């Protein structure tokens, strides 16, 4: 099995649990993970393929077969038959279980596993035979979540990362949903070998999704505003050096410098935060780190040195481009323009559309409708843009099971709006828009849902 397909020490995985939780987890032999009521070490997860489902047994992780919701007592097999009985005469008085809480606790303490315990609960239930098949499955799932908690570890991909952030901190990714992210890639016509111009304030999730699709074939020009790019999500993908080198970040201030003569262009002076530290400061930090490392065990010291060597090797092999080289790349017409930011869409399009090639698509995502309607109205007056579309993104999840397929009771109300179009001429925008700044304002002020 390829090394990239298995869980390794230091990886970050997305965990899906049988009680409908989803979260990030760093893999390390020293760390523990809470499954049910037990804290189990993660060392046994190392070496298993991504997607493996684990269960806790004697405070250890063990790989199991089946899904997150196994059915050890009454699995659904064969053709589904409509039940003839119902629950009209069933009354939940909480006294149908013959086993007491003390007896259940004694069974668990004696080492009875979850499957056997659930079977005993079914055997000692007075109302089991009167339940419908639907009620039986619901009962089993509830008991499995309590006595047979399971967890699945999957690779960090654009979809899984988007699901985690949308479930836990949607405001950090501008309430971007996984299906909306897929639409951005589709409308932007992202393909391997192309040059994509992207600006996102979604912690680098959109940039990482583009890199995941291109796999290092082509270039991704990622613009940012401020002193440095905010793309913490990209490191969770675990890209190799070829994919990482295909992502070229640049300050949006470079856009205003493209028409100036390179020979007379003066680079801005670096700020104090950007300047290198003095030799005394570097030496002091090295002494401090060496003092901490001296307290480690020999195994920890070897692991630290291995990681340090890997970082130095990656830094030495990383492709570094000068500001002049980045501006030369920007002057080449891009094949796609994708925006998902908190900044004004019309101003961003006014500044960046000249960098897009002819007959090439652009797409803008915004979690609010009003800024996109203003941009849509303005772009309709431009002769250089055709096929303008302003769409609302909406989806509904369905439960698909034999005899009980239905929409989910709860769902996401919406995931923003998408403006898309195609640039066909190199004509400049109307004079009223040509004087606008590249980044005049934000469309929101850290609104959270």
Protein backbone atom coordinates (compact mmCIF):
# COMPACT_ATOMS: atom_id res chain seq x y z
CA UNK A 1 0.00 0.00 0.00
CA UNK A 2 1.33 3.44 -0.93
CA UNK A 3 2.63 5.52 1.95
CA UNK A 4 0.34 8.39 1.02
CA UNK A 5 -2.76 6.23 1.48
CA UNK A 6 -2.14 5.34 5.12
CA UNK A 7 -2.37 7.35 8.32
CA UNK A 8 1.07 8.52 9.42
CA UNK A 9 2.50 10.13 12.52
CA UNK A 10 1.98 13.89 12.31
CA UNK A 11 -0.95 13.75 9.88
CA UNK A 12 -4.18 15.63 10.49
CA UNK A 13 -7.33 13.64 9.80
CA UNK A 14 -11.05 14.38 9.80
CA UNK A 15 -12.96 12.24 12.28
CA UNK A 16 -16.60 11.24 11.78
CA UNK A 17 -18.22 9.66 14.83
CA UNK A 18 -21.30 7.47 15.21
CA UNK A 19 -22.99 10.22 17.25
CA UNK A 20 -22.87 12.62 14.27
CA UNK A 21 -19.84 14.66 15.34
CA UNK A 22 -17.08 15.79 13.01
CA UNK A 23 -13.75 17.32 14.00
CA UNK A 24 -10.01 17.53 13.23
CA UNK A 25 -7.53 15.26 14.97
CA UNK A 26 -3.74 15.28 14.85
CA UNK A 27 -2.21 11.81 14.81
CA UNK A 28 0.53 11.21 17.36
CA UNK A 29 1.40 8.24 19.59
CA UNK A 30 1.39 10.60 22.59
CA UNK A 31 -2.13 11.91 22.00
CA UNK A 32 -5.38 10.32 23.09
CA UNK A 33 -8.87 10.43 21.62
CA UNK A 34 -12.12 10.24 23.53
CA UNK A 35 -14.46 7.53 22.22
CA UNK A 36 -17.57 7.17 24.30
CA UNK A 37 -16.43 7.49 27.88
CA UNK A 38 -12.88 6.21 27.36
CA UNK A 39 -9.69 8.02 26.36
CA UNK A 40 -7.71 5.79 23.99
CA UNK A 41 -4.20 6.39 22.57
CA UNK A 42 -3.88 7.05 18.85
CA UNK A 43 -0.78 4.93 18.26
CA UNK A 44 -2.82 2.02 16.86
CA UNK A 45 -4.28 4.25 14.13
CA UNK A 46 -0.86 4.77 12.52
CA UNK A 47 -0.37 2.53 9.50
CA UNK A 48 -4.06 1.94 8.78
CA UNK A 49 -5.49 3.19 5.47
CA UNK A 50 -7.58 6.35 5.37
CA UNK A 51 -11.25 5.67 5.85
CA UNK A 52 -10.69 2.95 8.45
CA UNK A 53 -13.38 2.69 11.14
CA UNK A 54 -12.15 2.19 14.69
CA UNK A 55 -13.79 0.98 17.88
CA UNK A 56 -12.63 1.10 21.47
CA UNK A 57 -11.76 -2.21 23.11
CA UNK A 58 -10.03 -2.37 26.49
CA UNK A 59 -8.93 1.25 26.04
CA UNK A 60 -7.28 0.52 22.71
CA UNK A 61 -8.22 1.44 19.15
CA UNK A 62 -9.08 -1.55 17.00
CA UNK A 63 -10.01 -1.50 13.33
CA UNK A 64 -13.44 -2.97 12.57
CA UNK A 65 -15.40 -3.80 9.45
CA UNK A 66 -18.80 -2.44 8.54
CA UNK A 67 -19.99 1.13 8.79
CA UNK A 68 -20.32 3.69 11.53
CA UNK A 69 -23.74 2.22 12.33
CA UNK A 70 -23.39 -1.58 12.35
CA UNK A 71 -26.47 -3.68 12.97
CA UNK A 72 -25.40 -6.83 14.84
CA UNK A 73 -28.91 -7.92 15.83
CA UNK A 74 -31.38 -7.27 13.02
CA UNK A 75 -29.64 -6.29 9.78
CA UNK A 76 -31.71 -5.31 6.77
CA UNK A 77 -31.34 -8.07 4.17
CA UNK A 78 -33.34 -9.06 1.13
CA UNK A 79 -36.26 -7.17 -0.32
CA UNK A 80 -37.96 -4.66 1.89
CA UNK A 81 -41.49 -5.50 2.97
CA UNK A 82 -44.01 -2.99 4.25
CA UNK A 83 -44.70 -3.86 7.92
CA UNK A 84 -48.22 -4.89 8.87
CA UNK A 85 -47.98 -3.89 12.53
CA UNK A 86 -47.69 -0.41 14.04
CA UNK A 87 -46.97 1.34 17.33
CA UNK A 88 -50.46 2.59 18.13
CA UNK A 89 -50.76 0.40 21.24
CA UNK A 90 -47.18 0.93 22.43
CA UNK A 91 -46.69 3.11 25.52
CA UNK A 92 -43.19 4.02 26.66
CA UNK A 93 -43.36 3.55 30.46
CA UNK A 94 -39.61 2.94 30.82
CA UNK A 95 -40.23 -0.40 32.54
CA UNK A 96 -40.03 -2.79 29.58
CA UNK A 97 -36.34 -3.59 30.13
CA UNK A 98 -35.77 -6.46 32.55
CA UNK A 99 -32.10 -5.63 33.09
CA UNK A 100 -31.51 -2.95 35.70
CA UNK A 101 -28.86 -0.23 35.43
CA UNK A 102 -26.76 -2.08 38.01
CA UNK A 103 -26.87 -5.31 36.01
CA UNK A 104 -25.95 -3.47 32.81
CA UNK A 105 -23.01 -1.81 34.58
CA UNK A 106 -21.87 -5.22 35.89
CA UNK A 107 -22.02 -6.68 32.38
CA UNK A 108 -19.88 -3.83 31.02
CA UNK A 109 -17.42 -4.18 33.89
CA UNK A 110 -17.11 -7.93 33.25
CA UNK A 111 -15.81 -7.25 29.72
CA UNK A 112 -18.95 -7.90 27.67
CA UNK A 113 -18.49 -6.08 24.35
CA UNK A 114 -21.01 -3.73 22.86
CA UNK A 115 -22.53 -6.18 20.38
CA UNK A 116 -23.19 -8.80 23.06
CA UNK A 117 -24.57 -6.18 25.44
CA UNK A 118 -27.03 -4.89 22.83
CA UNK A 119 -28.12 -8.46 22.13
CA UNK A 120 -28.85 -8.97 25.83
CA UNK A 121 -30.82 -5.73 25.95
CA UNK A 122 -32.92 -6.91 23.02
CA UNK A 123 -33.38 -10.33 24.60
CA UNK A 124 -34.62 -8.81 27.86
CA UNK A 125 -36.94 -6.23 26.27
CA UNK A 126 -40.64 -7.01 26.71
CA UNK A 127 -41.68 -4.81 23.81
CA UNK A 128 -39.10 -5.82 21.19
CA UNK A 129 -41.45 -8.18 19.33
CA UNK A 130 -44.21 -5.56 19.20
CA UNK A 131 -41.97 -2.89 17.62
CA UNK A 132 -42.07 -2.19 13.91
CA UNK A 133 -38.91 -2.67 11.85
CA UNK A 134 -38.45 1.08 11.83
CA UNK A 135 -38.65 1.25 15.62
CA UNK A 136 -36.22 -1.65 15.95
CA UNK A 137 -33.64 0.07 13.76
CA UNK A 138 -34.05 3.33 15.65
CA UNK A 139 -33.66 1.51 18.98
CA UNK A 140 -30.55 -0.32 17.78
CA UNK A 141 -28.92 2.85 16.51
CA UNK A 142 -29.53 4.58 19.83
CA UNK A 143 -27.99 1.70 21.79
CA UNK A 144 -25.07 1.41 19.39
CA UNK A 145 -24.23 5.08 19.86
CA UNK A 146 -24.09 4.47 23.61
CA UNK A 147 -22.45 1.03 23.88
CA UNK A 148 -20.63 0.68 20.52
CA UNK A 149 -19.24 4.14 19.69
CA UNK A 150 -17.24 4.15 16.48
CA UNK A 151 -15.06 6.68 14.68
CA UNK A 152 -13.89 6.94 11.07
CA UNK A 153 -10.68 8.72 10.13
CA UNK A 154 -10.60 10.14 6.61
CA UNK A 155 -8.12 12.20 4.65
CA UNK A 156 -8.33 15.98 4.73
CA UNK A 157 -9.84 16.89 1.37
CA UNK A 158 -11.66 19.97 0.15
CA UNK A 159 -15.01 18.34 0.85
CA UNK A 160 -14.18 16.99 4.31
CA UNK A 161 -12.51 20.24 5.40
CA UNK A 162 -15.47 22.24 4.19
CA UNK A 163 -17.85 19.98 6.11
CA UNK A 164 -15.87 20.39 9.34
CA UNK A 165 -15.68 24.17 9.15
CA UNK A 166 -19.30 24.51 8.04
CA UNK A 167 -20.42 22.40 11.00
CA UNK A 168 -18.22 24.05 13.64
CA UNK A 169 -17.09 27.51 12.51
CA UNK A 170 -18.92 28.47 9.30
CA UNK A 171 -18.10 32.17 9.65
CA UNK A 172 -14.40 31.40 9.08
CA UNK A 173 -15.11 30.16 5.55
CA UNK A 174 -17.86 32.73 4.78
CA UNK A 175 -20.57 30.05 5.26
CA UNK A 176 -19.23 28.22 2.22
CA UNK A 177 -20.85 24.81 1.86
CA UNK A 178 -19.29 21.78 0.14
CA UNK A 179 -21.73 21.81 -2.79
CA UNK A 180 -21.17 25.55 -3.28
CA UNK A 181 -17.41 24.97 -3.33
CA UNK A 182 -17.91 22.41 -6.08
CA UNK A 183 -19.96 24.91 -8.09
CA UNK A 184 -17.15 27.48 -7.84
CA UNK A 185 -14.69 24.99 -9.33
CA UNK A 186 -17.17 24.06 -12.06
CA UNK A 187 -18.10 27.62 -13.04
CA UNK A 188 -14.40 28.57 -12.94
CA UNK A 189 -13.51 25.69 -15.30
CA UNK A 190 -10.54 24.63 -13.16
CA UNK A 191 -8.41 22.04 -14.94
CA UNK A 192 -4.87 20.70 -14.78
CA UNK A 193 -2.38 22.78 -16.72
CA UNK A 194 -4.26 26.07 -16.49
CA UNK A 195 -3.39 29.27 -14.70
CA UNK A 196 -5.98 30.20 -12.08
CA UNK A 197 -6.18 33.64 -10.50
CA UNK A 198 -7.87 33.35 -7.10
CA UNK A 199 -8.52 35.59 -4.12
CA UNK A 200 -10.14 34.00 -1.10
CA UNK A 201 -10.55 34.94 2.55
CA UNK A 202 -11.78 31.44 3.47
CA UNK A 203 -8.56 30.46 5.27
CA UNK A 204 -7.19 29.15 1.98
CA UNK A 205 -9.92 26.52 1.56
CA UNK A 206 -10.75 27.62 -1.99
CA UNK A 207 -7.08 27.80 -2.96
CA UNK A 208 -6.51 24.33 -1.52
CA UNK A 209 -9.52 22.95 -3.41
CA UNK A 210 -8.11 24.31 -6.68
CA UNK A 211 -4.69 22.82 -5.91
CA UNK A 212 -6.33 19.49 -5.09
CA UNK A 213 -7.91 19.42 -8.54
CA UNK A 214 -4.85 20.56 -10.51
CA UNK A 215 -2.36 18.42 -8.52
CA UNK A 216 0.60 20.67 -9.30
CA UNK A 217 -0.07 20.88 -13.05
CA UNK A 218 -0.37 24.56 -13.85
CA UNK A 219 -0.19 27.66 -11.67
CA UNK A 220 -2.41 29.11 -8.96
CA UNK A 221 -1.93 32.84 -8.43
CA UNK A 222 -3.39 33.53 -4.98
CA UNK A 223 -3.75 37.19 -4.07
CA UNK A 224 -4.02 38.48 -0.54
CA UNK A 225 -4.48 41.76 1.29
CA UNK A 226 -2.27 42.66 4.24
CA UNK A 227 1.23 41.68 5.32
CA UNK A 228 0.89 37.92 4.70
CA UNK A 229 -1.49 35.38 3.25
CA UNK A 230 -4.00 33.77 5.64
CA UNK A 231 -4.18 30.19 4.36
CA UNK A 232 -3.88 27.92 7.37
CA UNK A 233 -6.18 25.33 5.79
CA UNK A 234 -3.74 24.52 2.96
CA UNK A 235 -1.33 22.73 5.29
CA UNK A 236 -4.08 20.30 6.34
CA UNK A 237 -4.29 18.91 2.79
CA UNK A 238 -0.84 17.37 3.10
CA UNK A 239 0.24 18.39 -0.41
CA UNK A 240 3.61 17.33 -1.72
CA UNK A 241 6.27 19.81 -2.84
CA UNK A 242 5.11 19.87 -6.48
CA UNK A 243 1.59 20.94 -5.53
CA UNK A 244 2.78 23.46 -2.96
CA UNK A 245 5.19 25.08 -5.44
CA UNK A 246 2.35 25.55 -7.94
CA UNK A 247 0.67 28.00 -5.50
CA UNK A 248 2.13 31.49 -5.98
CA UNK A 249 0.98 34.07 -3.45
CA UNK A 250 1.21 37.79 -4.13
CA UNK A 251 0.02 41.03 -2.51
CA UNK A 252 -2.91 42.61 -4.31
CA UNK A 253 -0.86 45.81 -4.43
CA UNK A 254 1.11 44.20 -7.26
CA UNK A 255 -1.92 44.60 -9.53
CA UNK A 256 -1.46 48.37 -9.59
CA UNK A 257 2.23 48.00 -10.47
CA UNK A 258 1.87 45.85 -13.58
CA UNK A 259 1.72 48.76 -16.04
CA UNK A 260 4.81 50.47 -14.63
CA UNK A 261 8.27 50.17 -16.12
CA UNK A 262 10.12 47.35 -14.35
CA UNK A 263 13.42 49.18 -14.66
CA UNK A 264 12.18 52.24 -12.77
CA UNK A 265 9.95 50.36 -10.32
CA UNK A 266 11.08 50.71 -6.71
CA UNK A 267 10.12 47.96 -4.33
CA UNK A 268 8.45 49.13 -1.12
CA UNK A 269 10.65 49.18 1.95
CA UNK A 270 10.09 46.17 4.21
CA UNK A 271 8.41 46.81 7.53
CA UNK A 272 10.11 46.09 10.83
CA UNK A 273 8.12 42.87 11.18
CA UNK A 274 9.30 41.71 7.76
CA UNK A 275 12.99 42.44 8.35
CA UNK A 276 15.33 39.67 9.41
CA UNK A 277 16.26 39.39 13.07
CA UNK A 278 19.68 40.47 14.26
CA UNK A 279 22.41 37.92 14.90
CA UNK A 280 22.06 38.40 18.68
CA UNK A 281 18.30 37.69 18.56
CA UNK A 282 18.80 34.59 16.44
CA UNK A 283 21.51 33.28 18.78
CA UNK A 284 19.31 33.90 21.83
CA UNK A 285 16.42 31.95 20.30
CA UNK A 286 18.73 29.08 19.36
CA UNK A 287 20.00 28.85 22.96
CA UNK A 288 16.43 28.85 24.25
CA UNK A 289 15.41 26.06 21.88
CA UNK A 290 18.52 24.02 22.69
CA UNK A 291 17.74 24.30 26.43
CA UNK A 292 14.22 22.98 25.87
CA UNK A 293 15.40 20.13 23.64
CA UNK A 294 17.92 19.06 26.28
CA UNK A 295 15.00 18.21 28.56
CA UNK A 296 13.55 15.77 26.03
CA UNK A 297 14.06 12.02 26.16
CA UNK A 298 16.43 10.49 23.57
CA UNK A 299 13.45 9.33 21.47
CA UNK A 300 11.90 12.80 21.55
CA UNK A 301 15.20 14.42 20.63
CA UNK A 302 15.60 12.09 17.64
CA UNK A 303 12.06 12.87 16.51
CA UNK A 304 12.66 16.62 16.88
CA UNK A 305 15.88 16.49 14.87
CA UNK A 306 14.17 14.44 12.14
CA UNK A 307 11.39 17.00 11.84
CA UNK A 308 13.89 19.86 11.81
CA UNK A 309 15.89 18.21 9.05
CA UNK A 310 12.70 17.64 7.03
CA UNK A 311 11.75 21.31 7.41
CA UNK A 312 15.19 22.48 6.31
CA UNK A 313 15.12 20.14 3.33
CA UNK A 314 11.66 21.34 2.29
CA UNK A 315 12.75 24.97 2.66
CA UNK A 316 15.85 24.36 0.54
CA UNK A 317 13.89 22.67 -2.26
CA UNK A 318 10.96 25.13 -2.27
CA UNK A 319 10.70 27.23 -5.39
CA UNK A 320 11.08 30.91 -4.49
CA UNK A 321 10.01 33.59 -6.94
CA UNK A 322 11.06 37.20 -6.83
CA UNK A 323 8.48 40.03 -6.96
CA UNK A 324 9.50 40.71 -10.56
CA UNK A 325 8.89 37.08 -11.52
CA UNK A 326 5.48 37.13 -9.82
CA UNK A 327 4.48 40.26 -11.73
CA UNK A 328 5.59 38.59 -14.97
CA UNK A 329 3.25 35.70 -14.18
CA UNK A 330 0.41 38.13 -13.50
CA UNK A 331 0.95 39.78 -16.87
CA UNK A 332 0.24 36.46 -18.58
CA UNK A 333 -3.54 36.07 -19.18
CA UNK A 334 -5.08 33.70 -16.67
CA UNK A 335 -7.46 30.91 -17.63
CA UNK A 336 -9.83 31.40 -14.69
CA UNK A 337 -10.71 34.05 -12.14
CA UNK A 338 -12.32 32.87 -8.89
CA UNK A 339 -13.17 35.18 -5.99
CA UNK A 340 -14.55 34.30 -2.57
CA UNK A 341 -13.78 37.20 -0.28
CA UNK A 342 -15.23 39.66 2.18
CA UNK A 343 -14.32 42.50 -0.15
CA UNK A 344 -16.54 44.38 -2.56
CA UNK A 345 -17.12 42.14 -5.64
CA UNK A 346 -17.41 44.97 -8.17
CA UNK A 347 -14.15 46.58 -7.11
CA UNK A 348 -12.36 43.24 -7.16
CA UNK A 349 -13.66 42.44 -10.66
CA UNK A 350 -12.74 45.90 -11.92
CA UNK A 351 -9.16 45.41 -10.78
CA UNK A 352 -8.67 41.75 -11.75
CA UNK A 353 -10.71 41.23 -14.94
CA UNK A 354 -7.95 42.82 -17.09
CA UNK A 355 -5.69 39.95 -15.97
CA UNK A 356 -8.14 37.33 -17.31
CA UNK A 357 -7.70 35.93 -20.80
CA UNK A 358 -10.29 36.25 -23.56
CA UNK A 359 -13.13 33.70 -23.63
CA UNK A 360 -12.23 32.72 -20.10
CA UNK A 361 -14.70 32.36 -17.19
CA UNK A 362 -14.88 34.20 -13.91
CA UNK A 363 -16.94 33.41 -10.82
CA UNK A 364 -17.54 35.37 -7.63
CA UNK A 365 -18.94 34.00 -4.36
CA UNK A 366 -20.47 36.20 -1.67
CA UNK A 367 -22.53 35.21 1.34
CA UNK A 368 -24.71 38.31 0.85
CA UNK A 369 -26.90 39.07 -2.15
CA UNK A 370 -26.72 42.88 -2.26
CA UNK A 371 -23.04 43.29 -3.26
CA UNK A 372 -23.49 40.80 -6.11
CA UNK A 373 -26.62 42.52 -7.41
CA UNK A 374 -24.67 45.78 -7.65
CA UNK A 375 -21.88 44.00 -9.53
CA UNK A 376 -24.39 42.19 -11.76
CA UNK A 377 -26.09 45.46 -12.72
CA UNK A 378 -22.75 47.12 -13.50
CA UNK A 379 -21.37 44.21 -15.55
CA UNK A 380 -24.48 44.14 -17.72
CA UNK A 381 -23.38 47.51 -19.10
CA UNK A 382 -19.93 46.25 -20.05
CA UNK A 383 -19.35 45.04 -23.60
CA UNK A 384 -16.52 42.75 -22.51
CA UNK A 385 -18.66 40.34 -20.45
CA UNK A 386 -21.32 37.85 -21.58
CA UNK A 387 -23.35 34.99 -20.11
CA UNK A 388 -23.82 36.72 -16.78
CA UNK A 389 -25.61 34.60 -14.17
CA UNK A 390 -26.51 35.32 -10.58
CA UNK A 391 -27.54 32.16 -8.74
CA UNK A 392 -28.67 31.25 -5.27
CA UNK A 393 -27.07 28.07 -3.91
CA UNK A 394 -29.45 25.69 -2.22
CA UNK A 395 -29.35 22.00 -1.39
CA UNK A 396 -31.31 19.45 0.56
CA UNK A 397 -29.96 16.20 2.00
CA UNK A 398 -32.03 13.03 1.86
CA UNK A 399 -32.02 9.93 4.01
CA UNK A 400 -31.98 6.99 1.61
CA UNK A 401 -32.96 3.75 3.34
CA UNK A 402 -35.33 0.92 2.36
CA UNK A 403 -38.89 2.07 2.96
CA UNK A 404 -37.90 5.33 4.67
CA UNK A 405 -36.37 7.66 2.10
CA UNK A 406 -37.24 11.24 2.96
CA UNK A 407 -35.67 14.71 3.21
CA UNK A 408 -33.73 15.42 6.37
CA UNK A 409 -35.68 17.27 9.04
CA UNK A 410 -32.95 19.89 9.46
CA UNK A 411 -30.95 21.46 6.66
CA UNK A 412 -28.80 24.47 5.79
CA UNK A 413 -30.94 27.43 4.81
CA UNK A 414 -28.45 28.67 2.24
CA UNK A 415 -24.82 29.04 1.35
CA UNK A 416 -24.41 32.41 -0.28
CA UNK A 417 -24.73 33.48 -3.91
CA UNK A 418 -22.66 32.99 -7.05
CA UNK A 419 -22.06 35.47 -9.88
CA UNK A 420 -20.47 34.03 -13.01
CA UNK A 421 -19.71 35.11 -16.55
CA UNK A 422 -17.26 34.99 -19.45
CA UNK A 423 -14.87 37.69 -20.59
CA UNK A 424 -14.90 38.07 -24.38
CA UNK A 425 -13.25 41.44 -25.10
CA UNK A 426 -10.32 43.37 -23.76
CA UNK A 427 -12.26 46.63 -23.58
CA UNK A 428 -11.77 48.62 -20.37
CA UNK A 429 -14.68 49.20 -17.99
CA UNK A 430 -16.66 52.45 -18.11
CA UNK A 431 -14.78 55.54 -16.84
CA UNK A 432 -16.79 55.63 -13.64
CA UNK A 433 -15.34 52.32 -12.52
CA UNK A 434 -11.78 52.73 -13.72
CA UNK A 435 -10.85 55.01 -10.82
CA UNK A 436 -12.06 52.66 -8.08
CA UNK A 437 -9.54 51.17 -5.70
CA UNK A 438 -8.78 47.47 -5.75
CA UNK A 439 -9.90 46.82 -2.17
CA UNK A 440 -12.13 49.72 -1.06
CA UNK A 441 -14.12 48.05 1.72
CA UNK A 442 -15.38 44.83 3.23
CA UNK A 443 -18.87 43.55 2.54
CA UNK A 444 -19.35 42.53 6.19
CA UNK A 445 -17.80 42.97 9.60
CA UNK A 446 -17.13 39.48 10.91
CA UNK A 447 -20.77 38.51 11.05
CA UNK A 448 -21.28 35.05 12.46
CA UNK A 449 -24.11 32.66 11.93
